PDB file of all heavy atoms in Angstrom:
ATOM      1  N   LYS A   1     -12.208  -7.789 -17.508  1.00  0.00           N
ATOM      2  CA  LYS A   1     -12.538  -9.061 -18.155  1.00  0.00           C
ATOM      3  C   LYS A   1     -12.856 -10.129 -17.113  1.00  0.00           C
ATOM      4  O   LYS A   1     -13.825 -10.896 -17.254  1.00  0.00           O
ATOM      5  CB  LYS A   1     -11.370  -9.507 -19.042  1.00  0.00           C
ATOM      6  CG  LYS A   1     -11.597 -10.833 -19.762  1.00  0.00           C
ATOM      7  CD  LYS A   1     -10.350 -11.297 -20.515  1.00  0.00           C
ATOM      8  CE  LYS A   1      -9.306 -11.851 -19.571  1.00  0.00           C
ATOM      9  NZ  LYS A   1      -8.169 -12.499 -20.278  1.00  0.00           N
ATOM     10  N   ASN A   2     -12.081 -10.190 -16.057  1.00  0.00           N
ATOM     11  CA  ASN A   2     -12.295 -11.203 -15.029  1.00  0.00           C
ATOM     12  C   ASN A   2     -13.504 -10.881 -14.158  1.00  0.00           C
ATOM     13  O   ASN A   2     -14.197 -11.796 -13.690  1.00  0.00           O
ATOM     14  CB  ASN A   2     -11.028 -11.369 -14.195  1.00  0.00           C
ATOM     15  CG  ASN A   2      -9.968 -12.157 -14.927  1.00  0.00           C
ATOM     16  OD1 ASN A   2      -9.969 -13.387 -14.900  1.00  0.00           O
ATOM     17  ND2 ASN A   2      -9.065 -11.470 -15.616  1.00  0.00           N
ATOM     18  N   LEU A   3     -13.785  -9.616 -13.954  1.00  0.00           N
ATOM     19  CA  LEU A   3     -15.017  -9.248 -13.254  1.00  0.00           C
ATOM     20  C   LEU A   3     -16.240  -9.652 -14.071  1.00  0.00           C
ATOM     21  O   LEU A   3     -17.262 -10.077 -13.513  1.00  0.00           O
ATOM     22  CB  LEU A   3     -15.036  -7.742 -12.977  1.00  0.00           C
ATOM     23  CG  LEU A   3     -14.076  -7.261 -11.885  1.00  0.00           C
ATOM     24  CD1 LEU A   3     -13.990  -5.741 -11.879  1.00  0.00           C
ATOM     25  CD2 LEU A   3     -14.522  -7.773 -10.516  1.00  0.00           C
ATOM     26  N   ASP A   4     -16.134  -9.551 -15.392  1.00  0.00           N
ATOM     27  CA  ASP A   4     -17.231 -10.003 -16.265  1.00  0.00           C
ATOM     28  C   ASP A   4     -17.453 -11.511 -16.139  1.00  0.00           C
ATOM     29  O   ASP A   4     -18.587 -11.986 -16.171  1.00  0.00           O
ATOM     30  CB  ASP A   4     -16.927  -9.641 -17.726  1.00  0.00           C
ATOM     31  CG  ASP A   4     -17.047  -8.149 -17.999  1.00  0.00           C
ATOM     32  OD1 ASP A   4     -17.647  -7.438 -17.175  1.00  0.00           O
ATOM     33  OD2 ASP A   4     -16.537  -7.696 -19.040  1.00  0.00           O
ATOM     34  N   GLU A   5     -16.354 -12.269 -15.987  1.00  0.00           N
ATOM     35  CA  GLU A   5     -16.481 -13.716 -15.806  1.00  0.00           C
ATOM     36  C   GLU A   5     -17.210 -14.033 -14.501  1.00  0.00           C
ATOM     37  O   GLU A   5     -18.046 -14.944 -14.447  1.00  0.00           O
ATOM     38  CB  GLU A   5     -15.098 -14.377 -15.802  1.00  0.00           C
ATOM     39  CG  GLU A   5     -14.410 -14.384 -17.161  1.00  0.00           C
ATOM     40  CD  GLU A   5     -15.217 -15.118 -18.221  1.00  0.00           C
ATOM     41  OE1 GLU A   5     -15.684 -16.243 -17.943  1.00  0.00           O
ATOM     42  OE2 GLU A   5     -15.405 -14.546 -19.313  1.00  0.00           O
ATOM     43  N   ALA A   6     -16.908 -13.282 -13.450  1.00  0.00           N
ATOM     44  CA  ALA A   6     -17.618 -13.470 -12.180  1.00  0.00           C
ATOM     45  C   ALA A   6     -19.090 -13.097 -12.326  1.00  0.00           C
ATOM     46  O   ALA A   6     -19.980 -13.784 -11.801  1.00  0.00           O
ATOM     47  CB  ALA A   6     -16.963 -12.645 -11.078  1.00  0.00           C
ATOM     48  N   ALA A   7     -19.346 -12.018 -13.065  1.00  0.00           N
ATOM     49  CA  ALA A   7     -20.722 -11.551 -13.246  1.00  0.00           C
ATOM     50  C   ALA A   7     -21.573 -12.574 -14.004  1.00  0.00           C
ATOM     51  O   ALA A   7     -22.790 -12.685 -13.766  1.00  0.00           O
ATOM     52  CB  ALA A   7     -20.726 -10.214 -13.977  1.00  0.00           C
ATOM     53  N   LYS A   8     -20.966 -13.335 -14.919  1.00  0.00           N
ATOM     54  CA  LYS A   8     -21.710 -14.372 -15.642  1.00  0.00           C
ATOM     55  C   LYS A   8     -22.266 -15.432 -14.690  1.00  0.00           C
ATOM     56  O   LYS A   8     -23.263 -16.088 -14.997  1.00  0.00           O
ATOM     57  CB  LYS A   8     -20.802 -15.039 -16.682  1.00  0.00           C
ATOM     58  CG  LYS A   8     -20.459 -14.151 -17.870  1.00  0.00           C
ATOM     59  CD  LYS A   8     -19.445 -14.842 -18.794  1.00  0.00           C
ATOM     60  CE  LYS A   8     -19.005 -13.913 -19.918  1.00  0.00           C
ATOM     61  NZ  LYS A   8     -17.944 -14.548 -20.761  1.00  0.00           N
ATOM     62  N   LEU A   9     -21.600 -15.616 -13.556  1.00  0.00           N
ATOM     63  CA  LEU A   9     -22.079 -16.563 -12.537  1.00  0.00           C
ATOM     64  C   LEU A   9     -22.923 -15.865 -11.480  1.00  0.00           C
ATOM     65  O   LEU A   9     -23.334 -16.491 -10.495  1.00  0.00           O
ATOM     66  CB  LEU A   9     -20.883 -17.252 -11.867  1.00  0.00           C
ATOM     67  CG  LEU A   9     -19.966 -18.075 -12.790  1.00  0.00           C
ATOM     68  CD1 LEU A   9     -18.775 -18.604 -12.006  1.00  0.00           C
ATOM     69  CD2 LEU A   9     -20.743 -19.219 -13.426  1.00  0.00           C
ATOM     70  N   GLY A  10     -23.163 -14.573 -11.693  1.00  0.00           N
ATOM     71  CA  GLY A  10     -23.993 -13.813 -10.765  1.00  0.00           C
ATOM     72  C   GLY A  10     -23.249 -13.176  -9.615  1.00  0.00           C
ATOM     73  O   GLY A  10     -23.867 -12.642  -8.690  1.00  0.00           O
ATOM     74  N   TYR A  11     -21.906 -13.209  -9.644  1.00  0.00           N
ATOM     75  CA  TYR A  11     -21.119 -12.742  -8.512  1.00  0.00           C
ATOM     76  C   TYR A  11     -20.543 -11.346  -8.727  1.00  0.00           C
ATOM     77  O   TYR A  11     -20.167 -10.970  -9.835  1.00  0.00           O
ATOM     78  CB  TYR A  11     -19.942 -13.686  -8.244  1.00  0.00           C
ATOM     79  CG  TYR A  11     -20.325 -15.075  -7.814  1.00  0.00           C
ATOM     80  CD1 TYR A  11     -19.837 -16.188  -8.501  1.00  0.00           C
ATOM     81  CD2 TYR A  11     -21.159 -15.291  -6.722  1.00  0.00           C
ATOM     82  CE1 TYR A  11     -20.162 -17.474  -8.107  1.00  0.00           C
ATOM     83  CE2 TYR A  11     -21.497 -16.575  -6.314  1.00  0.00           C
ATOM     84  CZ  TYR A  11     -21.000 -17.666  -7.023  1.00  0.00           C
ATOM     85  OH  TYR A  11     -21.324 -18.938  -6.626  1.00  0.00           O
ATOM     86  N   THR A  12     -20.461 -10.607  -7.636  1.00  0.00           N
ATOM     87  CA  THR A  12     -19.680  -9.372  -7.564  1.00  0.00           C
ATOM     88  C   THR A  12     -18.521  -9.624  -6.617  1.00  0.00           C
ATOM     89  O   THR A  12     -18.714 -10.170  -5.517  1.00  0.00           O
ATOM     90  CB  THR A  12     -20.530  -8.211  -7.022  1.00  0.00           C
ATOM     91  OG1 THR A  12     -21.624  -7.978  -7.905  1.00  0.00           O
ATOM     92  CG2 THR A  12     -19.707  -6.933  -6.901  1.00  0.00           C
ATOM     93  N   PHE A  13     -17.300  -9.269  -7.044  1.00  0.00           N
ATOM     94  CA  PHE A  13     -16.120  -9.479  -6.203  1.00  0.00           C
ATOM     95  C   PHE A  13     -15.793  -8.179  -5.482  1.00  0.00           C
ATOM     96  O   PHE A  13     -15.535  -7.148  -6.101  1.00  0.00           O
ATOM     97  CB  PHE A  13     -14.925  -9.919  -7.048  1.00  0.00           C
ATOM     98  CG  PHE A  13     -13.676 -10.173  -6.241  1.00  0.00           C
ATOM     99  CD1 PHE A  13     -13.628 -11.184  -5.306  1.00  0.00           C
ATOM    100  CD2 PHE A  13     -12.543  -9.393  -6.434  1.00  0.00           C
ATOM    101  CE1 PHE A  13     -12.477 -11.431  -4.566  1.00  0.00           C
ATOM    102  CE2 PHE A  13     -11.383  -9.628  -5.702  1.00  0.00           C
ATOM    103  CZ  PHE A  13     -11.352 -10.653  -4.768  1.00  0.00           C
ATOM    104  N   ASN A  14     -15.852  -8.242  -4.155  1.00  0.00           N
ATOM    105  CA  ASN A  14     -15.503  -7.101  -3.315  1.00  0.00           C
ATOM    106  C   ASN A  14     -14.180  -7.378  -2.610  1.00  0.00           C
ATOM    107  O   ASN A  14     -13.903  -8.520  -2.231  1.00  0.00           O
ATOM    108  CB  ASN A  14     -16.592  -6.848  -2.272  1.00  0.00           C
ATOM    109  CG  ASN A  14     -17.919  -6.499  -2.911  1.00  0.00           C
ATOM    110  OD1 ASN A  14     -18.008  -5.570  -3.709  1.00  0.00           O
ATOM    111  ND2 ASN A  14     -18.958  -7.250  -2.581  1.00  0.00           N
ATOM    112  N   CYS A  15     -13.385  -6.343  -2.427  1.00  0.00           N
ATOM    113  CA  CYS A  15     -12.120  -6.545  -1.731  1.00  0.00           C
ATOM    114  C   CYS A  15     -11.749  -5.312  -0.935  1.00  0.00           C
ATOM    115  O   CYS A  15     -12.264  -4.211  -1.178  1.00  0.00           O
ATOM    116  CB  CYS A  15     -11.013  -6.937  -2.697  1.00  0.00           C
ATOM    117  SG  CYS A  15     -10.708  -5.762  -4.007  1.00  0.00           S
ATOM    118  N   GLY A  16     -10.862  -5.523   0.020  1.00  0.00           N
ATOM    119  CA  GLY A  16     -10.385  -4.439   0.867  1.00  0.00           C
ATOM    120  C   GLY A  16      -8.939  -4.665   1.245  1.00  0.00           C
ATOM    121  O   GLY A  16      -8.642  -5.517   2.074  1.00  0.00           O
ATOM    122  N   PRO A  17      -8.006  -3.953   0.618  1.00  0.00           N
ATOM    123  CA  PRO A  17      -6.585  -4.116   0.946  1.00  0.00           C
ATOM    124  C   PRO A  17      -6.179  -3.248   2.137  1.00  0.00           C
ATOM    125  O   PRO A  17      -6.750  -2.183   2.379  1.00  0.00           O
ATOM    126  CB  PRO A  17      -5.881  -3.659  -0.328  1.00  0.00           C
ATOM    127  CG  PRO A  17      -6.821  -2.677  -0.936  1.00  0.00           C
ATOM    128  CD  PRO A  17      -8.207  -3.066  -0.517  1.00  0.00           C
ATOM    129  N   GLU A  18      -5.190  -3.721   2.881  1.00  0.00           N
ATOM    130  CA  GLU A  18      -4.581  -2.950   3.967  1.00  0.00           C
ATOM    131  C   GLU A  18      -3.174  -2.566   3.514  1.00  0.00           C
ATOM    132  O   GLU A  18      -2.288  -3.424   3.433  1.00  0.00           O
ATOM    133  CB  GLU A  18      -4.509  -3.773   5.248  1.00  0.00           C
ATOM    134  CG  GLU A  18      -5.860  -4.276   5.748  1.00  0.00           C
ATOM    135  CD  GLU A  18      -5.713  -5.247   6.906  1.00  0.00           C
ATOM    136  OE1 GLU A  18      -4.564  -5.546   7.315  1.00  0.00           O
ATOM    137  OE2 GLU A  18      -6.752  -5.727   7.403  1.00  0.00           O
ATOM    138  N   LEU A  19      -2.957  -1.302   3.217  1.00  0.00           N
ATOM    139  CA  LEU A  19      -1.669  -0.874   2.668  1.00  0.00           C
ATOM    140  C   LEU A  19      -0.745  -0.356   3.754  1.00  0.00           C
ATOM    141  O   LEU A  19      -1.078   0.594   4.466  1.00  0.00           O
ATOM    142  CB  LEU A  19      -1.863   0.212   1.607  1.00  0.00           C
ATOM    143  CG  LEU A  19      -2.208  -0.305   0.219  1.00  0.00           C
ATOM    144  CD1 LEU A  19      -3.710  -0.436   0.058  1.00  0.00           C
ATOM    145  CD2 LEU A  19      -1.650   0.599  -0.859  1.00  0.00           C
ATOM    146  N   GLU A  20       0.404  -0.981   3.866  1.00  0.00           N
ATOM    147  CA  GLU A  20       1.466  -0.513   4.753  1.00  0.00           C
ATOM    148  C   GLU A  20       2.528   0.199   3.916  1.00  0.00           C
ATOM    149  O   GLU A  20       2.672  -0.072   2.727  1.00  0.00           O
ATOM    150  CB  GLU A  20       2.094  -1.699   5.498  1.00  0.00           C
ATOM    151  CG  GLU A  20       1.113  -2.439   6.390  1.00  0.00           C
ATOM    152  CD  GLU A  20       1.677  -3.733   6.942  1.00  0.00           C
ATOM    153  OE1 GLU A  20       2.753  -4.178   6.483  1.00  0.00           O
ATOM    154  OE2 GLU A  20       1.038  -4.306   7.847  1.00  0.00           O
ATOM    155  N   PHE A  21       3.253   1.103   4.557  1.00  0.00           N
ATOM    156  CA  PHE A  21       4.337   1.795   3.856  1.00  0.00           C
ATOM    157  C   PHE A  21       5.320   2.352   4.876  1.00  0.00           C
ATOM    158  O   PHE A  21       4.998   2.534   6.052  1.00  0.00           O
ATOM    159  CB  PHE A  21       3.804   2.910   2.951  1.00  0.00           C
ATOM    160  CG  PHE A  21       2.991   3.973   3.656  1.00  0.00           C
ATOM    161  CD1 PHE A  21       3.556   5.194   4.016  1.00  0.00           C
ATOM    162  CD2 PHE A  21       1.649   3.760   3.949  1.00  0.00           C
ATOM    163  CE1 PHE A  21       2.814   6.176   4.657  1.00  0.00           C
ATOM    164  CE2 PHE A  21       0.890   4.735   4.585  1.00  0.00           C
ATOM    165  CZ  PHE A  21       1.469   5.948   4.940  1.00  0.00           C
ATOM    166  N   PHE A  22       6.544   2.606   4.427  1.00  0.00           N
ATOM    167  CA  PHE A  22       7.565   3.238   5.251  1.00  0.00           C
ATOM    168  C   PHE A  22       7.698   4.705   4.848  1.00  0.00           C
ATOM    169  O   PHE A  22       7.507   5.064   3.676  1.00  0.00           O
ATOM    170  CB  PHE A  22       8.917   2.552   5.066  1.00  0.00           C
ATOM    171  CG  PHE A  22       9.083   1.287   5.862  1.00  0.00           C
ATOM    172  CD1 PHE A  22       8.715   0.061   5.335  1.00  0.00           C
ATOM    173  CD2 PHE A  22       9.621   1.326   7.144  1.00  0.00           C
ATOM    174  CE1 PHE A  22       8.872  -1.111   6.056  1.00  0.00           C
ATOM    175  CE2 PHE A  22       9.778   0.163   7.880  1.00  0.00           C
ATOM    176  CZ  PHE A  22       9.407  -1.058   7.343  1.00  0.00           C
ATOM    177  N   VAL A  23       8.050   5.534   5.828  1.00  0.00           N
ATOM    178  CA  VAL A  23       8.377   6.936   5.568  1.00  0.00           C
ATOM    179  C   VAL A  23       9.819   7.161   6.017  1.00  0.00           C
ATOM    180  O   VAL A  23      10.163   6.927   7.188  1.00  0.00           O
ATOM    181  CB  VAL A  23       7.432   7.892   6.319  1.00  0.00           C
ATOM    182  CG1 VAL A  23       7.825   9.346   6.038  1.00  0.00           C
ATOM    183  CG2 VAL A  23       5.982   7.655   5.903  1.00  0.00           C
ATOM    184  N   PHE A  24      10.658   7.577   5.077  1.00  0.00           N
ATOM    185  CA  PHE A  24      12.075   7.775   5.356  1.00  0.00           C
ATOM    186  C   PHE A  24      12.465   9.238   5.121  1.00  0.00           C
ATOM    187  O   PHE A  24      11.747   9.995   4.453  1.00  0.00           O
ATOM    188  CB  PHE A  24      12.932   6.890   4.455  1.00  0.00           C
ATOM    189  CG  PHE A  24      12.796   5.419   4.736  1.00  0.00           C
ATOM    190  CD1 PHE A  24      12.480   4.536   3.710  1.00  0.00           C
ATOM    191  CD2 PHE A  24      12.987   4.915   6.004  1.00  0.00           C
ATOM    192  CE1 PHE A  24      12.363   3.181   3.950  1.00  0.00           C
ATOM    193  CE2 PHE A  24      12.875   3.559   6.262  1.00  0.00           C
ATOM    194  CZ  PHE A  24      12.560   2.684   5.236  1.00  0.00           C
ATOM    195  N   LYS A  25      13.636   9.593   5.638  1.00  0.00           N
ATOM    196  CA  LYS A  25      14.190  10.928   5.402  1.00  0.00           C
ATOM    197  C   LYS A  25      14.792  11.015   4.006  1.00  0.00           C
ATOM    198  O   LYS A  25      15.128  10.000   3.405  1.00  0.00           O
ATOM    199  CB  LYS A  25      15.267  11.243   6.440  1.00  0.00           C
ATOM    200  CG  LYS A  25      14.740  11.394   7.858  1.00  0.00           C
ATOM    201  CD  LYS A  25      15.869  11.717   8.826  1.00  0.00           C
ATOM    202  CE  LYS A  25      15.338  11.863  10.252  1.00  0.00           C
ATOM    203  NZ  LYS A  25      16.431  12.141  11.212  1.00  0.00           N
ATOM    204  N   ARG A  26      14.935  12.229   3.511  1.00  0.00           N
ATOM    205  CA  ARG A  26      15.690  12.509   2.294  1.00  0.00           C
ATOM    206  C   ARG A  26      17.018  13.149   2.679  1.00  0.00           C
ATOM    207  O   ARG A  26      17.121  13.809   3.715  1.00  0.00           O
ATOM    208  CB  ARG A  26      14.901  13.428   1.356  1.00  0.00           C
ATOM    209  CG  ARG A  26      13.672  12.759   0.755  1.00  0.00           C
ATOM    210  CD  ARG A  26      12.909  13.693  -0.169  1.00  0.00           C
ATOM    211  NE  ARG A  26      11.759  13.013  -0.752  1.00  0.00           N
ATOM    212  CZ  ARG A  26      11.788  12.315  -1.870  1.00  0.00           C
ATOM    213  NH1 ARG A  26      12.919  12.237  -2.557  1.00  0.00           N
ATOM    214  NH2 ARG A  26      10.712  11.731  -2.328  1.00  0.00           N
ATOM    215  N   ASP A  27      18.030  12.961   1.829  1.00  0.00           N
ATOM    216  CA  ASP A  27      19.328  13.557   2.131  1.00  0.00           C
ATOM    217  C   ASP A  27      19.383  15.006   1.668  1.00  0.00           C
ATOM    218  O   ASP A  27      18.385  15.563   1.179  1.00  0.00           O
ATOM    219  CB  ASP A  27      20.466  12.726   1.526  1.00  0.00           C
ATOM    220  CG  ASP A  27      20.444  12.690  -0.002  1.00  0.00           C
ATOM    221  OD1 ASP A  27      19.815  13.573  -0.622  1.00  0.00           O
ATOM    222  OD2 ASP A  27      21.068  11.773  -0.579  1.00  0.00           O
ATOM    223  N   ALA A  28      20.541  15.644   1.812  1.00  0.00           N
ATOM    224  CA  ALA A  28      20.689  17.064   1.477  1.00  0.00           C
ATOM    225  C   ALA A  28      20.418  17.344   0.010  1.00  0.00           C
ATOM    226  O   ALA A  28      20.082  18.478  -0.369  1.00  0.00           O
ATOM    227  CB  ALA A  28      22.091  17.537   1.852  1.00  0.00           C
ATOM    228  N   ASN A  29      20.562  16.329  -0.843  1.00  0.00           N
ATOM    229  CA  ASN A  29      20.293  16.492  -2.278  1.00  0.00           C
ATOM    230  C   ASN A  29      18.868  16.099  -2.658  1.00  0.00           C
ATOM    231  O   ASN A  29      18.528  16.058  -3.835  1.00  0.00           O
ATOM    232  CB  ASN A  29      21.284  15.640  -3.078  1.00  0.00           C
ATOM    233  CG  ASN A  29      22.719  16.092  -2.888  1.00  0.00           C
ATOM    234  OD1 ASN A  29      22.994  17.298  -2.886  1.00  0.00           O
ATOM    235  ND2 ASN A  29      23.626  15.142  -2.708  1.00  0.00           N
ATOM    236  N   GLY A  30      18.066  15.791  -1.646  1.00  0.00           N
ATOM    237  CA  GLY A  30      16.679  15.437  -1.913  1.00  0.00           C
ATOM    238  C   GLY A  30      16.465  13.988  -2.306  1.00  0.00           C
ATOM    239  O   GLY A  30      15.350  13.607  -2.691  1.00  0.00           O
ATOM    240  N   GLN A  31      17.531  13.171  -2.214  1.00  0.00           N
ATOM    241  CA  GLN A  31      17.402  11.765  -2.578  1.00  0.00           C
ATOM    242  C   GLN A  31      16.884  10.948  -1.396  1.00  0.00           C
ATOM    243  O   GLN A  31      17.178  11.239  -0.241  1.00  0.00           O
ATOM    244  CB  GLN A  31      18.758  11.215  -3.027  1.00  0.00           C
ATOM    245  CG  GLN A  31      19.315  11.895  -4.269  1.00  0.00           C
ATOM    246  CD  GLN A  31      18.389  11.774  -5.467  1.00  0.00           C
ATOM    247  OE1 GLN A  31      17.992  10.676  -5.845  1.00  0.00           O
ATOM    248  NE2 GLN A  31      18.046  12.915  -6.057  1.00  0.00           N
ATOM    249  N   ALA A  32      16.121   9.896  -1.711  1.00  0.00           N
ATOM    250  CA  ALA A  32      15.556   9.049  -0.667  1.00  0.00           C
ATOM    251  C   ALA A  32      16.654   8.278   0.052  1.00  0.00           C
ATOM    252  O   ALA A  32      17.634   7.829  -0.560  1.00  0.00           O
ATOM    253  CB  ALA A  32      14.554   8.077  -1.278  1.00  0.00           C
ATOM    254  N   THR A  33      16.500   8.117   1.366  1.00  0.00           N
ATOM    255  CA  THR A  33      17.396   7.298   2.166  1.00  0.00           C
ATOM    256  C   THR A  33      16.567   6.199   2.854  1.00  0.00           C
ATOM    257  O   THR A  33      15.359   6.120   2.644  1.00  0.00           O
ATOM    258  CB  THR A  33      18.094   8.136   3.256  1.00  0.00           C
ATOM    259  OG1 THR A  33      17.128   8.478   4.271  1.00  0.00           O
ATOM    260  CG2 THR A  33      18.692   9.408   2.677  1.00  0.00           C
ATOM    261  N   THR A  34      17.218   5.391   3.658  1.00  0.00           N
ATOM    262  CA  THR A  34      16.480   4.449   4.512  1.00  0.00           C
ATOM    263  C   THR A  34      16.641   4.855   5.979  1.00  0.00           C
ATOM    264  O   THR A  34      16.570   4.030   6.878  1.00  0.00           O
ATOM    265  CB  THR A  34      16.976   3.001   4.311  1.00  0.00           C
ATOM    266  OG1 THR A  34      18.398   2.959   4.494  1.00  0.00           O
ATOM    267  CG2 THR A  34      16.614   2.486   2.939  1.00  0.00           C
ATOM    268  N   GLU A  35      16.833   6.159   6.204  1.00  0.00           N
ATOM    269  CA  GLU A  35      16.951   6.675   7.569  1.00  0.00           C
ATOM    270  C   GLU A  35      15.556   6.925   8.133  1.00  0.00           C
ATOM    271  O   GLU A  35      14.730   7.617   7.515  1.00  0.00           O
ATOM    272  CB  GLU A  35      17.764   7.977   7.567  1.00  0.00           C
ATOM    273  CG  GLU A  35      18.070   8.493   8.954  1.00  0.00           C
ATOM    274  CD  GLU A  35      18.916   9.763   8.927  1.00  0.00           C
ATOM    275  OE1 GLU A  35      19.439  10.107   7.837  1.00  0.00           O
ATOM    276  OE2 GLU A  35      19.036  10.409   9.987  1.00  0.00           O
ATOM    277  N   PHE A  36      15.292   6.371   9.302  1.00  0.00           N
ATOM    278  CA  PHE A  36      13.952   6.460   9.896  1.00  0.00           C
ATOM    279  C   PHE A  36      13.559   7.904  10.198  1.00  0.00           C
ATOM    280  O   PHE A  36      14.381   8.710  10.639  1.00  0.00           O
ATOM    281  CB  PHE A  36      13.881   5.657  11.191  1.00  0.00           C
ATOM    282  CG  PHE A  36      14.076   4.172  11.017  1.00  0.00           C
ATOM    283  CD1 PHE A  36      14.952   3.476  11.829  1.00  0.00           C
ATOM    284  CD2 PHE A  36      13.380   3.482  10.037  1.00  0.00           C
ATOM    285  CE1 PHE A  36      15.132   2.109  11.681  1.00  0.00           C
ATOM    286  CE2 PHE A  36      13.548   2.116   9.875  1.00  0.00           C
ATOM    287  CZ  PHE A  36      14.427   1.427  10.696  1.00  0.00           C
ATOM    288  N   VAL A  37      12.286   8.199  10.014  1.00  0.00           N
ATOM    289  CA  VAL A  37      11.717   9.475  10.428  1.00  0.00           C
ATOM    290  C   VAL A  37      11.315   9.404  11.895  1.00  0.00           C
ATOM    291  O   VAL A  37      11.334  10.400  12.612  1.00  0.00           O
ATOM    292  CB  VAL A  37      10.496   9.835   9.545  1.00  0.00           C
ATOM    293  CG1 VAL A  37       9.764  11.046  10.081  1.00  0.00           C
ATOM    294  CG2 VAL A  37      10.949  10.101   8.113  1.00  0.00           C
ATOM    295  N   ASP A  38      10.921   8.219  12.348  1.00  0.00           N
ATOM    296  CA  ASP A  38      10.491   8.052  13.739  1.00  0.00           C
ATOM    297  C   ASP A  38      10.904   6.668  14.228  1.00  0.00           C
ATOM    298  O   ASP A  38      11.315   5.808  13.443  1.00  0.00           O
ATOM    299  CB  ASP A  38       8.976   8.219  13.860  1.00  0.00           C
ATOM    300  CG  ASP A  38       8.198   7.116  13.157  1.00  0.00           C
ATOM    301  OD1 ASP A  38       8.144   5.996  13.705  1.00  0.00           O
ATOM    302  OD2 ASP A  38       7.650   7.358  12.057  1.00  0.00           O
ATOM    303  N   HIS A  39      10.785   6.479  15.517  1.00  0.00           N
ATOM    304  CA  HIS A  39      11.096   5.189  16.127  1.00  0.00           C
ATOM    305  C   HIS A  39       9.887   4.682  16.913  1.00  0.00           C
ATOM    306  O   HIS A  39      10.016   4.102  17.982  1.00  0.00           O
ATOM    307  CB  HIS A  39      12.332   5.306  17.030  1.00  0.00           C
ATOM    308  CG  HIS A  39      13.576   5.619  16.267  1.00  0.00           C
ATOM    309  ND1 HIS A  39      14.287   4.666  15.567  1.00  0.00           N
ATOM    310  CD2 HIS A  39      14.212   6.798  16.046  1.00  0.00           C
ATOM    311  CE1 HIS A  39      15.328   5.237  14.971  1.00  0.00           C
ATOM    312  NE2 HIS A  39      15.299   6.527  15.245  1.00  0.00           N
ATOM    313  N   GLY A  40       8.728   4.905  16.357  1.00  0.00           N
ATOM    314  CA  GLY A  40       7.502   4.450  16.988  1.00  0.00           C
ATOM    315  C   GLY A  40       7.278   2.966  16.785  1.00  0.00           C
ATOM    316  O   GLY A  40       7.932   2.319  15.969  1.00  0.00           O
ATOM    317  N   GLY A  41       6.327   2.428  17.551  1.00  0.00           N
ATOM    318  CA  GLY A  41       5.925   1.037  17.420  1.00  0.00           C
ATOM    319  C   GLY A  41       4.443   0.940  17.123  1.00  0.00           C
ATOM    320  O   GLY A  41       3.784   1.938  16.827  1.00  0.00           O
ATOM    321  N   TYR A  42       3.922  -0.268  17.211  1.00  0.00           N
ATOM    322  CA  TYR A  42       2.533  -0.541  16.828  1.00  0.00           C
ATOM    323  C   TYR A  42       1.568   0.349  17.611  1.00  0.00           C
ATOM    324  O   TYR A  42       1.556   0.360  18.842  1.00  0.00           O
ATOM    325  CB  TYR A  42       2.244  -2.014  17.091  1.00  0.00           C
ATOM    326  CG  TYR A  42       1.104  -2.582  16.271  1.00  0.00           C
ATOM    327  CD1 TYR A  42       0.928  -2.243  14.939  1.00  0.00           C
ATOM    328  CD2 TYR A  42       0.204  -3.477  16.830  1.00  0.00           C
ATOM    329  CE1 TYR A  42      -0.089  -2.777  14.172  1.00  0.00           C
ATOM    330  CE2 TYR A  42      -0.828  -4.035  16.088  1.00  0.00           C
ATOM    331  CZ  TYR A  42      -0.970  -3.675  14.757  1.00  0.00           C
ATOM    332  OH  TYR A  42      -1.983  -4.212  14.007  1.00  0.00           O
ATOM    333  N   PHE A  43       0.775   1.149  16.880  1.00  0.00           N
ATOM    334  CA  PHE A  43      -0.243   2.042  17.430  1.00  0.00           C
ATOM    335  C   PHE A  43       0.323   3.178  18.274  1.00  0.00           C
ATOM    336  O   PHE A  43      -0.412   3.816  19.015  1.00  0.00           O
ATOM    337  CB  PHE A  43      -1.290   1.258  18.255  1.00  0.00           C
ATOM    338  CG  PHE A  43      -2.167   0.371  17.425  1.00  0.00           C
ATOM    339  CD1 PHE A  43      -2.134  -1.007  17.607  1.00  0.00           C
ATOM    340  CD2 PHE A  43      -3.023   0.881  16.474  1.00  0.00           C
ATOM    341  CE1 PHE A  43      -2.930  -1.848  16.839  1.00  0.00           C
ATOM    342  CE2 PHE A  43      -3.829   0.056  15.707  1.00  0.00           C
ATOM    343  CZ  PHE A  43      -3.786  -1.308  15.888  1.00  0.00           C
TER     344      PHE A  43
END
């Protein structure tokens, strides 16, 4: 609906998200933990 509103004015809305996420270990029962998989830094 909102893209249609932009189109009425002649516009196309383009976007590009940067998705970050954490990867953690699972415990012996397969449940998620907050234990790090790695200790790396930027790049």
